[in-house]
Amino acid sequence: MKKVNSILCLIMFCICLTACNNSETNENKQTSQHEALRIDSTQQTDDVDESKTLTKIDMSITVGNKAFSAKLYDNQTTQALVEQFPLNVDMSELNGNEKYYYLSNKLPIASEQPGEIHAGDIMLYGDDCLVVFYKTFSSSYQYTRLGYIEDAVSFAQVVADGTTKVTFDLDKDEK
């Protein structure tokens, strides 16, 4: 009987260790999920060279006297947007989670329904509405992914209610 109890205790101990290990793995997966979504979002559905889809363009977004580093995905839409840089605009507030500006020129689109939008995401709504999100939330709308702000937390702290003056430009190394 002692052998049976010992074996049962050993089996239960092994199961507990496995469950703890899976819990840590799930936490690590959740931590890296945001970056994985951004990497996945750069992959196009058409037959584009895989190395091209992961290329990012360094840019800067300035609000007041505070500059934020951002990355643009290298695709047709961002190439058309970059042609308009430097872009000095008054971005309007919407829903307490985003700033938007209607561009004067239409851009090519590759829209998708992202489901969850992350603070710092830079997207295009329709073919002419530039949107910068400063809060994370779920959405059923379709957007073309353009890039992301690297320090979304600080960006959210400096954008004010109402209209915000924002400058978009390439980093000096990208010009």
Protein backbone atom coordinates (compact mmCIF):
# COMPACT_ATOMS: atom_id res chain seq x y z
CA MET A 1 0.00 0.00 0.00
CA LYS A 2 2.89 2.36 0.77
CA LYS A 3 4.30 1.74 -2.71
CA VAL A 4 0.96 2.60 -4.33
CA ASN A 5 0.68 5.81 -2.27
CA SER A 6 4.27 6.74 -3.08
CA ILE A 7 3.69 6.18 -6.79
CA LEU A 8 0.46 8.22 -6.70
CA CYS A 9 2.25 11.05 -4.87
CA LEU A 10 5.06 10.97 -7.41
CA ILE A 11 2.58 11.11 -10.31
CA MET A 12 0.71 14.03 -8.70
CA PHE A 13 4.01 15.86 -8.15
CA CYS A 14 4.97 15.40 -11.83
CA ILE A 15 1.55 16.68 -12.96
CA CYS A 16 1.92 19.77 -10.73
CA LEU A 17 5.38 20.48 -12.15
CA THR A 18 4.07 20.18 -15.69
CA ALA A 19 1.15 22.52 -14.94
CA CYS A 20 3.51 25.12 -13.43
CA ASN A 21 5.78 24.90 -16.46
CA ASN A 22 2.82 25.41 -18.82
CA SER A 23 1.67 28.43 -16.79
CA GLU A 24 5.08 30.09 -17.15
CA THR A 25 5.08 29.31 -20.87
CA ASN A 26 1.65 30.94 -21.26
CA GLU A 27 2.87 34.07 -19.44
CA ASN A 28 5.88 34.30 -21.75
CA LYS A 29 3.60 33.88 -24.76
CA GLN A 30 1.34 36.70 -23.56
CA THR A 31 4.32 38.99 -22.94
CA SER A 32 5.61 38.60 -26.48
CA GLN A 33 2.17 38.51 -28.13
CA HIS A 34 2.09 42.24 -28.90
CA GLU A 35 5.42 42.16 -30.74
CA ALA A 36 4.42 38.94 -32.50
CA LEU A 37 1.23 40.59 -33.75
CA ARG A 38 3.27 43.47 -35.11
CA ILE A 39 5.66 41.10 -36.87
CA ASP A 40 2.74 39.07 -38.26
CA SER A 41 1.04 42.23 -39.45
CA THR A 42 3.96 43.02 -41.73
CA GLN A 43 3.45 39.82 -43.68
CA GLN A 44 1.46 40.40 -46.85
CA THR A 45 -1.07 37.97 -48.25
CA ASP A 46 0.40 38.13 -51.74
CA ASP A 47 3.69 36.58 -52.85
CA VAL A 48 6.07 39.23 -51.54
CA ASP A 49 9.69 38.38 -50.75
CA GLU A 50 9.72 37.33 -47.07
CA SER A 51 12.75 39.46 -46.18
CA LYS A 52 10.97 42.55 -47.58
CA THR A 53 7.92 42.08 -45.32
CA LEU A 54 10.01 42.39 -42.16
CA THR A 55 11.79 45.57 -43.26
CA LYS A 56 10.90 48.61 -41.22
CA ILE A 57 11.41 52.31 -41.89
CA ASP A 58 12.52 54.49 -38.96
CA MET A 59 10.48 57.61 -38.45
CA SER A 60 9.82 60.23 -35.83
CA ILE A 61 6.52 61.57 -34.53
CA THR A 62 6.70 64.88 -32.69
CA VAL A 63 3.99 66.21 -30.37
CA GLY A 64 4.88 69.63 -28.99
CA ASN A 65 8.57 69.41 -28.14
CA LYS A 66 8.52 65.64 -27.49
CA ALA A 67 9.74 63.31 -30.25
CA PHE A 68 8.79 59.62 -30.41
CA SER A 69 10.57 56.92 -32.38
CA ALA A 70 8.32 54.87 -34.62
CA LYS A 71 8.64 52.11 -37.18
CA LEU A 72 6.77 51.95 -40.47
CA TYR A 73 6.26 48.67 -42.29
CA ASP A 74 7.85 48.87 -45.72
CA ASN A 75 4.92 48.47 -48.09
CA GLN A 76 3.13 50.33 -50.87
CA THR A 77 0.94 52.31 -48.49
CA THR A 78 3.77 53.57 -46.29
CA GLN A 79 5.88 54.43 -49.35
CA ALA A 80 3.04 56.68 -50.58
CA LEU A 81 2.67 58.21 -47.10
CA VAL A 82 6.41 58.89 -46.76
CA GLU A 83 6.31 60.87 -50.01
CA GLN A 84 4.18 63.43 -48.10
CA PHE A 85 6.75 63.86 -45.27
CA PRO A 86 7.42 66.01 -43.41
CA LEU A 87 3.77 66.08 -42.53
CA ASN A 88 2.62 68.74 -40.01
CA VAL A 89 -1.01 68.18 -39.08
CA ASP A 90 -3.67 68.93 -36.49
CA MET A 91 -4.97 65.53 -35.42
CA SER A 92 -8.49 65.34 -34.03
CA GLU A 93 -9.59 63.24 -31.05
CA LEU A 94 -11.95 60.29 -31.39
CA ASN A 95 -13.39 57.95 -28.74
CA GLY A 96 -10.73 58.71 -26.13
CA ASN A 97 -8.34 56.23 -27.75
CA GLU A 98 -7.11 57.67 -31.05
CA LYS A 99 -6.02 60.72 -33.00
CA TYR A 100 -6.91 61.02 -36.69
CA TYR A 101 -6.25 63.24 -39.70
CA TYR A 102 -7.71 63.12 -43.22
CA LEU A 103 -4.91 63.28 -45.78
CA SER A 104 -5.34 65.35 -48.94
CA ASN A 105 -4.19 62.43 -51.13
CA LYS A 106 -5.60 58.91 -51.21
CA LEU A 107 -3.17 56.09 -50.44
CA PRO A 108 -3.13 52.48 -51.69
CA ILE A 109 -4.72 50.15 -49.15
CA ALA A 110 -4.36 46.60 -47.89
CA SER A 111 -7.05 46.71 -45.24
CA GLU A 112 -7.77 43.99 -42.74
CA GLN A 113 -9.78 43.62 -39.57
CA PRO A 114 -7.11 43.57 -36.84
CA GLY A 115 -9.51 42.63 -34.03
CA GLU A 116 -7.38 44.09 -31.27
CA ILE A 117 -5.70 47.45 -31.78
CA HIS A 118 -2.71 48.22 -29.58
CA ALA A 119 -1.65 51.52 -28.10
CA GLY A 120 0.96 52.96 -30.45
CA ASP A 121 -0.44 51.40 -33.63
CA ILE A 122 -0.36 53.66 -36.68
CA MET A 123 -3.00 52.74 -39.26
CA LEU A 124 -4.92 54.01 -42.24
CA TYR A 125 -8.72 53.99 -42.12
CA GLY A 126 -10.18 53.87 -45.60
CA ASP A 127 -7.73 55.29 -48.11
CA ASP A 128 -7.11 58.72 -46.61
CA CYS A 129 -7.52 58.77 -42.81
CA LEU A 130 -4.27 58.53 -40.85
CA VAL A 131 -4.92 57.20 -37.33
CA VAL A 132 -2.60 56.93 -34.33
CA PHE A 133 -3.96 54.90 -31.41
CA TYR A 134 -2.94 55.63 -27.83
CA LYS A 135 -5.06 53.01 -26.05
CA THR A 136 -5.51 49.28 -26.62
CA PHE A 137 -9.01 48.05 -27.46
CA SER A 138 -10.96 45.67 -29.69
CA SER A 139 -12.37 46.85 -33.00
CA SER A 140 -14.41 45.40 -35.84
CA TYR A 141 -13.33 48.13 -38.29
CA GLN A 142 -10.89 47.54 -41.13
CA TYR A 143 -7.53 49.30 -41.31
CA THR A 144 -4.31 49.18 -43.30
CA ARG A 145 -1.40 48.69 -40.91
CA LEU A 146 1.30 51.33 -41.30
CA GLY A 147 3.54 50.89 -38.25
CA TYR A 148 3.80 51.60 -34.54
CA ILE A 149 5.20 54.02 -31.98
CA GLU A 150 7.89 52.35 -29.91
CA ASP A 151 7.05 54.13 -26.61
CA ALA A 152 3.27 54.12 -26.74
CA VAL A 153 2.93 54.73 -23.00
CA SER A 154 4.77 58.07 -23.16
CA PHE A 155 2.90 59.01 -26.34
CA ALA A 156 -0.44 58.45 -24.57
CA GLN A 157 0.70 60.75 -21.77
CA VAL A 158 1.43 63.71 -24.06
CA VAL A 159 -1.52 63.63 -26.43
CA ALA A 160 -4.15 65.96 -25.10
CA ASP A 161 -7.91 65.98 -25.40
CA GLY A 162 -9.12 67.69 -28.53
CA THR A 163 -6.89 68.61 -31.43
CA THR A 164 -3.17 67.85 -31.19
CA LYS A 165 -0.42 69.25 -33.44
CA VAL A 166 1.68 66.34 -34.73
CA THR A 167 4.66 66.15 -37.09
CA PHE A 168 5.52 62.97 -38.97
CA ASP A 169 8.96 62.70 -40.57
CA LEU A 170 11.62 60.17 -41.47
CA ASP A 171 14.60 59.78 -39.17
CA LYS A 172 17.71 61.51 -40.47
CA ASP A 173 19.26 58.13 -41.33
CA GLU A 174 16.29 57.25 -43.55
CA LYS A 175 16.40 60.44 -45.66
